[in-house]
PDB file of all heavy atoms in Angstrom:
ATOM      1  N   ARG A   1       3.439  13.575  -3.045  1.00  0.00           N
ATOM      2  CA  ARG A   1       4.456  14.286  -3.842  1.00  0.00           C
ATOM      3  C   ARG A   1       3.843  15.310  -4.801  1.00  0.00           C
ATOM      4  O   ARG A   1       4.493  16.012  -5.473  1.00  0.00           O
ATOM      5  CB  ARG A   1       5.274  13.274  -4.622  1.00  0.00           C
ATOM      6  CG  ARG A   1       6.054  12.354  -3.755  1.00  0.00           C
ATOM      7  CD  ARG A   1       7.094  11.564  -4.569  1.00  0.00           C
ATOM      8  NE  ARG A   1       7.554  10.301  -4.043  1.00  0.00           N
ATOM      9  CZ  ARG A   1       8.148  10.145  -2.893  1.00  0.00           C
ATOM     10  NH1 ARG A   1       8.375  11.121  -2.082  1.00  0.00           N
ATOM     11  NH2 ARG A   1       8.577   8.961  -2.450  1.00  0.00           N
ATOM     12  N   GLU A   2       2.476  15.380  -4.817  1.00  0.00           N
ATOM     13  CA  GLU A   2       1.822  16.280  -5.758  1.00  0.00           C
ATOM     14  C   GLU A   2       1.442  17.632  -5.121  1.00  0.00           C
ATOM     15  O   GLU A   2       0.837  18.426  -5.727  1.00  0.00           O
ATOM     16  CB  GLU A   2       0.604  15.629  -6.299  1.00  0.00           C
ATOM     17  CG  GLU A   2       0.885  14.389  -7.123  1.00  0.00           C
ATOM     18  CD  GLU A   2      -0.342  13.618  -7.408  1.00  0.00           C
ATOM     19  OE1 GLU A   2      -1.431  14.195  -7.526  1.00  0.00           O
ATOM     20  OE2 GLU A   2      -0.294  12.374  -7.604  1.00  0.00           O
ATOM     21  N   LEU A   3       1.867  17.853  -3.869  1.00  0.00           N
ATOM     22  CA  LEU A   3       1.549  19.126  -3.232  1.00  0.00           C
ATOM     23  C   LEU A   3       2.396  20.254  -3.835  1.00  0.00           C
ATOM     24  O   LEU A   3       3.519  19.963  -4.306  1.00  0.00           O
ATOM     25  CB  LEU A   3       1.873  19.067  -1.722  1.00  0.00           C
ATOM     26  CG  LEU A   3       0.992  18.165  -0.895  1.00  0.00           C
ATOM     27  CD1 LEU A   3       1.504  18.016   0.498  1.00  0.00           C
ATOM     28  CD2 LEU A   3      -0.460  18.699  -0.891  1.00  0.00           C
ATOM     29  N   PRO A   4       1.871  21.378  -3.900  1.00  0.00           N
ATOM     30  CA  PRO A   4       2.624  22.536  -4.450  1.00  0.00           C
ATOM     31  C   PRO A   4       3.933  22.734  -3.671  1.00  0.00           C
ATOM     32  O   PRO A   4       3.987  22.509  -2.509  1.00  0.00           O
ATOM     33  CB  PRO A   4       1.711  23.735  -4.250  1.00  0.00           C
ATOM     34  CG  PRO A   4       0.327  23.162  -4.161  1.00  0.00           C
ATOM     35  CD  PRO A   4       0.504  21.805  -3.534  1.00  0.00           C
ATOM     36  N   GLN A   5       4.963  23.146  -4.362  1.00  0.00           N
ATOM     37  CA  GLN A   5       6.297  23.334  -3.775  1.00  0.00           C
ATOM     38  C   GLN A   5       6.175  24.389  -2.639  1.00  0.00           C
ATOM     39  O   GLN A   5       5.439  25.346  -2.734  1.00  0.00           O
ATOM     40  CB  GLN A   5       7.267  23.858  -4.832  1.00  0.00           C
ATOM     41  CG  GLN A   5       7.568  22.800  -5.883  1.00  0.00           C
ATOM     42  CD  GLN A   5       8.321  21.557  -5.344  1.00  0.00           C
ATOM     43  OE1 GLN A   5       9.037  21.691  -4.369  1.00  0.00           O
ATOM     44  NE2 GLN A   5       8.088  20.425  -5.924  1.00  0.00           N
ATOM     45  N   GLY A   6       6.915  24.197  -1.606  1.00  0.00           N
ATOM     46  CA  GLY A   6       7.021  25.160  -0.525  1.00  0.00           C
ATOM     47  C   GLY A   6       6.091  24.925   0.614  1.00  0.00           C
ATOM     48  O   GLY A   6       6.227  25.600   1.633  1.00  0.00           O
ATOM     49  N   LEU A   7       5.048  24.127   0.522  1.00  0.00           N
ATOM     50  CA  LEU A   7       4.077  23.966   1.578  1.00  0.00           C
ATOM     51  C   LEU A   7       4.634  23.082   2.731  1.00  0.00           C
ATOM     52  O   LEU A   7       4.287  23.227   3.831  1.00  0.00           O
ATOM     53  CB  LEU A   7       2.753  23.357   1.100  1.00  0.00           C
ATOM     54  CG  LEU A   7       1.898  24.361   0.303  1.00  0.00           C
ATOM     55  CD1 LEU A   7       0.592  23.679  -0.110  1.00  0.00           C
ATOM     56  CD2 LEU A   7       1.615  25.615   1.120  1.00  0.00           C
ATOM     57  N   ASN A   8       5.520  22.132   2.332  1.00  0.00           N
ATOM     58  CA  ASN A   8       6.205  21.248   3.360  1.00  0.00           C
ATOM     59  C   ASN A   8       5.146  20.652   4.283  1.00  0.00           C
ATOM     60  O   ASN A   8       5.280  20.780   5.518  1.00  0.00           O
ATOM     61  CB  ASN A   8       7.239  22.049   4.080  1.00  0.00           C
ATOM     62  CG  ASN A   8       8.156  21.140   4.811  1.00  0.00           C
ATOM     63  OD1 ASN A   8       8.304  19.994   4.501  1.00  0.00           O
ATOM     64  ND2 ASN A   8       8.899  21.661   5.824  1.00  0.00           N
ATOM     65  N   LEU A   9       4.098  19.994   3.749  1.00  0.00           N
ATOM     66  CA  LEU A   9       3.044  19.371   4.597  1.00  0.00           C
ATOM     67  C   LEU A   9       3.312  17.884   4.700  1.00  0.00           C
ATOM     68  O   LEU A   9       2.868  17.072   3.895  1.00  0.00           O
ATOM     69  CB  LEU A   9       1.722  19.616   3.938  1.00  0.00           C
ATOM     70  CG  LEU A   9       1.251  21.052   3.859  1.00  0.00           C
ATOM     71  CD1 LEU A   9      -0.050  21.154   3.067  1.00  0.00           C
ATOM     72  CD2 LEU A   9       1.097  21.638   5.263  1.00  0.00           C
ATOM     73  N   GLY A  10       4.016  17.483   5.674  1.00  0.00           N
ATOM     74  CA  GLY A  10       4.203  16.084   6.026  1.00  0.00           C
ATOM     75  C   GLY A  10       5.208  15.349   5.115  1.00  0.00           C
ATOM     76  O   GLY A  10       5.981  15.991   4.351  1.00  0.00           O
ATOM     77  N   ARG A  11       5.157  13.999   5.211  1.00  0.00           N
ATOM     78  CA  ARG A  11       6.053  13.203   4.398  1.00  0.00           C
ATOM     79  C   ARG A  11       5.414  11.831   4.291  1.00  0.00           C
ATOM     80  O   ARG A  11       4.404  11.518   4.940  1.00  0.00           O
ATOM     81  CB  ARG A  11       7.408  13.052   5.143  1.00  0.00           C
ATOM     82  CG  ARG A  11       7.261  12.407   6.497  1.00  0.00           C
ATOM     83  CD  ARG A  11       8.611  12.125   7.124  1.00  0.00           C
ATOM     84  NE  ARG A  11       8.494  11.679   8.510  1.00  0.00           N
ATOM     85  CZ  ARG A  11       8.040  10.460   8.886  1.00  0.00           C
ATOM     86  NH1 ARG A  11       7.715   9.581   7.993  1.00  0.00           N
ATOM     87  NH2 ARG A  11       7.995  10.152  10.159  1.00  0.00           N
ATOM     88  N   ALA A  12       5.962  10.992   3.444  1.00  0.00           N
ATOM     89  CA  ALA A  12       5.427   9.665   3.236  1.00  0.00           C
ATOM     90  C   ALA A  12       5.743   8.836   4.510  1.00  0.00           C
ATOM     91  O   ALA A  12       6.784   9.010   5.143  1.00  0.00           O
ATOM     92  CB  ALA A  12       6.121   9.001   2.031  1.00  0.00           C
ATOM     93  N   VAL A  13       4.833   7.964   4.896  1.00  0.00           N
ATOM     94  CA  VAL A  13       5.013   7.114   6.058  1.00  0.00           C
ATOM     95  C   VAL A  13       5.959   5.975   5.681  1.00  0.00           C
ATOM     96  O   VAL A  13       5.912   5.422   4.607  1.00  0.00           O
ATOM     97  CB  VAL A  13       3.649   6.526   6.422  1.00  0.00           C
ATOM     98  CG1 VAL A  13       3.810   5.565   7.655  1.00  0.00           C
ATOM     99  CG2 VAL A  13       2.657   7.599   6.756  1.00  0.00           C
ATOM    100  N   THR A  14       6.917   5.671   6.582  1.00  0.00           N
ATOM    101  CA  THR A  14       7.866   4.624   6.343  1.00  0.00           C
ATOM    102  C   THR A  14       7.265   3.246   6.629  1.00  0.00           C
ATOM    103  O   THR A  14       6.265   3.125   7.381  1.00  0.00           O
ATOM    104  CB  THR A  14       9.101   4.756   7.213  1.00  0.00           C
ATOM    105  OG1 THR A  14       8.741   4.521   8.597  1.00  0.00           O
ATOM    106  CG2 THR A  14       9.721   6.144   7.080  1.00  0.00           C
ATOM    107  N   ALA A  15       7.855   2.204   6.117  1.00  0.00           N
ATOM    108  CA  ALA A  15       7.402   0.843   6.347  1.00  0.00           C
ATOM    109  C   ALA A  15       7.461   0.484   7.845  1.00  0.00           C
ATOM    110  O   ALA A  15       6.566  -0.236   8.340  1.00  0.00           O
ATOM    111  CB  ALA A  15       8.218  -0.150   5.535  1.00  0.00           C
ATOM    112  N   ASP A  16       8.486   0.956   8.536  1.00  0.00           N
ATOM    113  CA  ASP A  16       8.588   0.679   9.962  1.00  0.00           C
ATOM    114  C   ASP A  16       7.504   1.382  10.752  1.00  0.00           C
ATOM    115  O   ASP A  16       6.966   0.818  11.746  1.00  0.00           O
ATOM    116  CB  ASP A  16       9.968   1.140  10.508  1.00  0.00           C
ATOM    117  CG  ASP A  16      11.089   0.194  10.072  1.00  0.00           C
ATOM    118  OD1 ASP A  16      10.842  -0.979   9.728  1.00  0.00           O
ATOM    119  OD2 ASP A  16      12.264   0.696  10.137  1.00  0.00           O
ATOM    120  N   GLU A  17       7.092   2.569  10.314  1.00  0.00           N
ATOM    121  CA  GLU A  17       6.037   3.251  11.033  1.00  0.00           C
ATOM    122  C   GLU A  17       4.693   2.532  10.840  1.00  0.00           C
ATOM    123  O   GLU A  17       3.883   2.412  11.723  1.00  0.00           O
ATOM    124  CB  GLU A  17       5.917   4.706  10.510  1.00  0.00           C
ATOM    125  CG  GLU A  17       7.071   5.571  10.993  1.00  0.00           C
ATOM    126  CD  GLU A  17       7.160   6.936  10.323  1.00  0.00           C
ATOM    127  OE1 GLU A  17       6.733   7.025   9.143  1.00  0.00           O
ATOM    128  OE2 GLU A  17       7.623   7.878  10.931  1.00  0.00           O
ATOM    129  N   ILE A  18       4.495   2.038   9.610  1.00  0.00           N
ATOM    130  CA  ILE A  18       3.254   1.275   9.336  1.00  0.00           C
ATOM    131  C   ILE A  18       3.262  -0.029  10.175  1.00  0.00           C
ATOM    132  O   ILE A  18       2.248  -0.326  10.806  1.00  0.00           O
ATOM    133  CB  ILE A  18       3.100   1.020   7.861  1.00  0.00           C
ATOM    134  CG1 ILE A  18       2.828   2.281   7.105  1.00  0.00           C
ATOM    135  CG2 ILE A  18       1.975  -0.010   7.633  1.00  0.00           C
ATOM    136  CD1 ILE A  18       2.876   2.134   5.584  1.00  0.00           C
ATOM    137  N   LYS A  19       4.406  -0.693  10.226  1.00  0.00           N
ATOM    138  CA  LYS A  19       4.516  -1.931  10.946  1.00  0.00           C
ATOM    139  C   LYS A  19       4.193  -1.739  12.441  1.00  0.00           C
ATOM    140  O   LYS A  19       3.547  -2.568  13.067  1.00  0.00           O
ATOM    141  CB  LYS A  19       5.893  -2.551  10.762  1.00  0.00           C
ATOM    142  CG  LYS A  19       6.039  -3.891  11.413  1.00  0.00           C
ATOM    143  CD  LYS A  19       7.415  -4.466  11.134  1.00  0.00           C
ATOM    144  CE  LYS A  19       7.527  -5.822  11.821  1.00  0.00           C
ATOM    145  NZ  LYS A  19       8.864  -6.366  11.593  1.00  0.00           N
ATOM    146  N   ALA A  20       4.626  -0.604  13.022  1.00  0.00           N
ATOM    147  CA  ALA A  20       4.408  -0.318  14.404  1.00  0.00           C
ATOM    148  C   ALA A  20       2.946  -0.202  14.720  1.00  0.00           C
ATOM    149  O   ALA A  20       2.484  -0.492  15.843  1.00  0.00           O
ATOM    150  CB  ALA A  20       5.156   0.875  14.871  1.00  0.00           C
ATOM    151  N   TRP A  21       2.124   0.279  13.834  1.00  0.00           N
ATOM    152  CA  TRP A  21       0.693   0.407  14.014  1.00  0.00           C
ATOM    153  C   TRP A  21      -0.135  -0.723  13.461  1.00  0.00           C
ATOM    154  O   TRP A  21      -1.297  -0.845  13.725  1.00  0.00           O
ATOM    155  CB  TRP A  21       0.244   1.729  13.442  1.00  0.00           C
ATOM    156  CG  TRP A  21       0.552   2.940  14.312  1.00  0.00           C
ATOM    157  CD1 TRP A  21       1.659   3.686  14.241  1.00  0.00           C
ATOM    158  CD2 TRP A  21      -0.145   3.295  15.475  1.00  0.00           C
ATOM    159  NE1 TRP A  21       1.681   4.575  15.294  1.00  0.00           N
ATOM    160  CE2 TRP A  21       0.541   4.385  16.028  1.00  0.00           C
ATOM    161  CE3 TRP A  21      -1.322   2.864  16.096  1.00  0.00           C
ATOM    162  CZ2 TRP A  21       0.119   5.039  17.227  1.00  0.00           C
ATOM    163  CZ3 TRP A  21      -1.763   3.516  17.216  1.00  0.00           C
ATOM    164  CH2 TRP A  21      -1.015   4.559  17.794  1.00  0.00           C
ATOM    165  N   ASP A  22       0.474  -1.595  12.705  1.00  0.00           N
ATOM    166  CA  ASP A  22      -0.239  -2.724  12.080  1.00  0.00           C
ATOM    167  C   ASP A  22      -0.252  -3.886  13.082  1.00  0.00           C
ATOM    168  O   ASP A  22       0.483  -4.883  12.906  1.00  0.00           O
ATOM    169  CB  ASP A  22       0.391  -3.086  10.786  1.00  0.00           C
ATOM    170  CG  ASP A  22      -0.391  -4.188  10.021  1.00  0.00           C
ATOM    171  OD1 ASP A  22      -1.587  -4.380  10.350  1.00  0.00           O
ATOM    172  OD2 ASP A  22       0.151  -4.821   9.119  1.00  0.00           O
ATOM    173  N   ILE A  23      -1.097  -3.792  14.121  1.00  0.00           N
ATOM    174  CA  ILE A  23      -1.084  -4.775  15.195  1.00  0.00           C
ATOM    175  C   ILE A  23      -2.371  -5.451  15.369  1.00  0.00           C
ATOM    176  O   ILE A  23      -2.591  -6.175  16.367  1.00  0.00           O
ATOM    177  CB  ILE A  23      -0.602  -4.135  16.556  1.00  0.00           C
ATOM    178  CG1 ILE A  23      -1.605  -3.031  16.949  1.00  0.00           C
ATOM    179  CG2 ILE A  23       0.831  -3.611  16.469  1.00  0.00           C
ATOM    180  CD1 ILE A  23      -1.412  -2.536  18.354  1.00  0.00           C
ATOM    181  N   SER A  24      -3.282  -5.335  14.385  1.00  0.00           N
ATOM    182  CA  SER A  24      -4.621  -5.850  14.542  1.00  0.00           C
ATOM    183  C   SER A  24      -4.573  -7.402  14.613  1.00  0.00           C
ATOM    184  O   SER A  24      -3.803  -8.041  13.864  1.00  0.00           O
ATOM    185  CB  SER A  24      -5.517  -5.476  13.396  1.00  0.00           C
ATOM    186  OG  SER A  24      -5.749  -4.094  13.466  1.00  0.00           O
ATOM    187  N   ILE A  25      -5.353  -7.998  15.522  1.00  0.00           N
ATOM    188  CA  ILE A  25      -5.432  -9.425  15.651  1.00  0.00           C
ATOM    189  C   ILE A  25      -6.822  -9.821  15.274  1.00  0.00           C
ATOM    190  O   ILE A  25      -7.844  -9.399  15.881  1.00  0.00           O
ATOM    191  CB  ILE A  25      -5.167  -9.882  17.134  1.00  0.00           C
ATOM    192  CG1 ILE A  25      -3.826  -9.367  17.592  1.00  0.00           C
ATOM    193  CG2 ILE A  25      -5.314 -11.389  17.246  1.00  0.00           C
ATOM    194  CD1 ILE A  25      -2.620  -9.862  16.866  1.00  0.00           C
ATOM    195  N   PRO A  26      -6.987 -10.700  14.252  1.00  0.00           N
ATOM    196  CA  PRO A  26      -8.331 -11.117  13.849  1.00  0.00           C
ATOM    197  C   PRO A  26      -8.861 -12.233  14.755  1.00  0.00           C
ATOM    198  O   PRO A  26      -8.089 -12.784  15.582  1.00  0.00           O
ATOM    199  CB  PRO A  26      -8.068 -11.638  12.413  1.00  0.00           C
ATOM    200  CG  PRO A  26      -6.679 -12.150  12.480  1.00  0.00           C
ATOM    201  CD  PRO A  26      -5.937 -11.190  13.393  1.00  0.00           C
ATOM    202  N   PRO A  27     -10.118 -12.676  14.607  1.00  0.00           N
ATOM    203  CA  PRO A  27     -10.666 -13.769  15.401  1.00  0.00           C
ATOM    204  C   PRO A  27      -9.795 -15.018  15.375  1.00  0.00           C
ATOM    205  O   PRO A  27      -9.740 -15.741  16.428  1.00  0.00           O
ATOM    206  CB  PRO A  27     -12.057 -13.980  14.780  1.00  0.00           C
ATOM    207  CG  PRO A  27     -12.421 -12.682  14.246  1.00  0.00           C
ATOM    208  CD  PRO A  27     -11.159 -12.094  13.722  1.00  0.00           C
ATOM    209  N   SER A  28      -9.137 -15.289  14.247  1.00  0.00           N
ATOM    210  CA  SER A  28      -8.309 -16.520  14.170  1.00  0.00           C
ATOM    211  C   SER A  28      -7.124 -16.451  15.073  1.00  0.00           C
ATOM    212  O   SER A  28      -6.491 -17.480  15.402  1.00  0.00           O
ATOM    213  CB  SER A  28      -7.810 -16.676  12.752  1.00  0.00           C
ATOM    214  OG  SER A  28      -6.879 -15.658  12.410  1.00  0.00           O
ATOM    215  N   GLY A  29      -6.729 -15.256  15.525  1.00  0.00           N
ATOM    216  CA  GLY A  29      -5.512 -15.157  16.441  1.00  0.00           C
ATOM    217  C   GLY A  29      -4.212 -14.965  15.650  1.00  0.00           C
ATOM    218  O   GLY A  29      -3.195 -14.871  16.252  1.00  0.00           O
ATOM    219  N   ALA A  30      -4.340 -14.924  14.279  1.00  0.00           N
ATOM    220  CA  ALA A  30      -3.087 -14.710  13.566  1.00  0.00           C
ATOM    221  C   ALA A  30      -2.412 -13.425  13.966  1.00  0.00           C
ATOM    222  O   ALA A  30      -3.021 -12.361  14.142  1.00  0.00           O
ATOM    223  CB  ALA A  30      -3.448 -14.610  12.024  1.00  0.00           C
ATOM    224  N   GLY A  31      -1.077 -13.556  14.219  1.00  0.00           N
ATOM    225  CA  GLY A  31      -0.320 -12.377  14.601  1.00  0.00           C
ATOM    226  C   GLY A  31      -0.242 -12.118  16.070  1.00  0.00           C
ATOM    227  O   GLY A  31       0.339 -11.127  16.513  1.00  0.00           O
ATOM    228  N   LEU A  32      -0.821 -12.997  16.885  1.00  0.00           N
ATOM    229  CA  LEU A  32      -0.669 -12.794  18.329  1.00  0.00           C
ATOM    230  C   LEU A  32       0.793 -12.780  18.726  1.00  0.00           C
ATOM    231  O   LEU A  32       1.512 -13.649  18.291  1.00  0.00           O
ATOM    232  CB  LEU A  32      -1.406 -13.927  19.095  1.00  0.00           C
ATOM    233  CG  LEU A  32      -2.927 -13.740  19.300  1.00  0.00           C
ATOM    234  CD1 LEU A  32      -3.507 -15.088  19.785  1.00  0.00           C
ATOM    235  CD2 LEU A  32      -3.262 -12.613  20.263  1.00  0.00           C
ATOM    236  N   PRO A  33       1.135 -11.856  19.554  1.00  0.00           N
ATOM    237  CA  PRO A  33       2.592 -11.848  20.008  1.00  0.00           C
ATOM    238  C   PRO A  33       2.768 -12.916  21.055  1.00  0.00           C
ATOM    239  O   PRO A  33       1.840 -13.329  21.764  1.00  0.00           O
ATOM    240  CB  PRO A  33       2.703 -10.464  20.665  1.00  0.00           C
ATOM    241  CG  PRO A  33       1.343 -10.126  21.136  1.00  0.00           C
ATOM    242  CD  PRO A  33       0.423 -10.758  20.106  1.00  0.00           C
ATOM    243  N   PRO A  34       4.035 -13.416  21.213  1.00  0.00           N
ATOM    244  CA  PRO A  34       4.274 -14.371  22.241  1.00  0.00           C
ATOM    245  C   PRO A  34       4.144 -13.689  23.579  1.00  0.00           C
ATOM    246  O   PRO A  34       4.319 -12.484  23.722  1.00  0.00           O
ATOM    247  CB  PRO A  34       5.783 -14.744  22.024  1.00  0.00           C
ATOM    248  CG  PRO A  34       6.332 -13.752  21.135  1.00  0.00           C
ATOM    249  CD  PRO A  34       5.173 -13.095  20.419  1.00  0.00           C
ATOM    250  N   GLY A  35       3.724 -14.450  24.577  1.00  0.00           N
ATOM    251  CA  GLY A  35       3.598 -13.887  25.909  1.00  0.00           C
ATOM    252  C   GLY A  35       2.552 -14.702  26.710  1.00  0.00           C
ATOM    253  O   GLY A  35       1.890 -15.628  26.192  1.00  0.00           O
ATOM    254  N   SER A  36       2.431 -14.322  28.007  1.00  0.00           N
ATOM    255  CA  SER A  36       1.439 -14.975  28.824  1.00  0.00           C
ATOM    256  C   SER A  36       1.185 -14.137  30.039  1.00  0.00           C
ATOM    257  O   SER A  36       1.981 -13.294  30.419  1.00  0.00           O
ATOM    258  CB  SER A  36       1.951 -16.359  29.290  1.00  0.00           C
ATOM    259  OG  SER A  36       3.095 -16.261  30.090  1.00  0.00           O
TER     260      SER A  36
END
């Protein structure tokens, strides 16, 4: 929000957009999706 007026460079990322890319699975397996 601190960009000079008129440059129109992007926007803030939404929570849903972050969630779609937040798919990392650690060694423990936490967050594995169901499936087989």
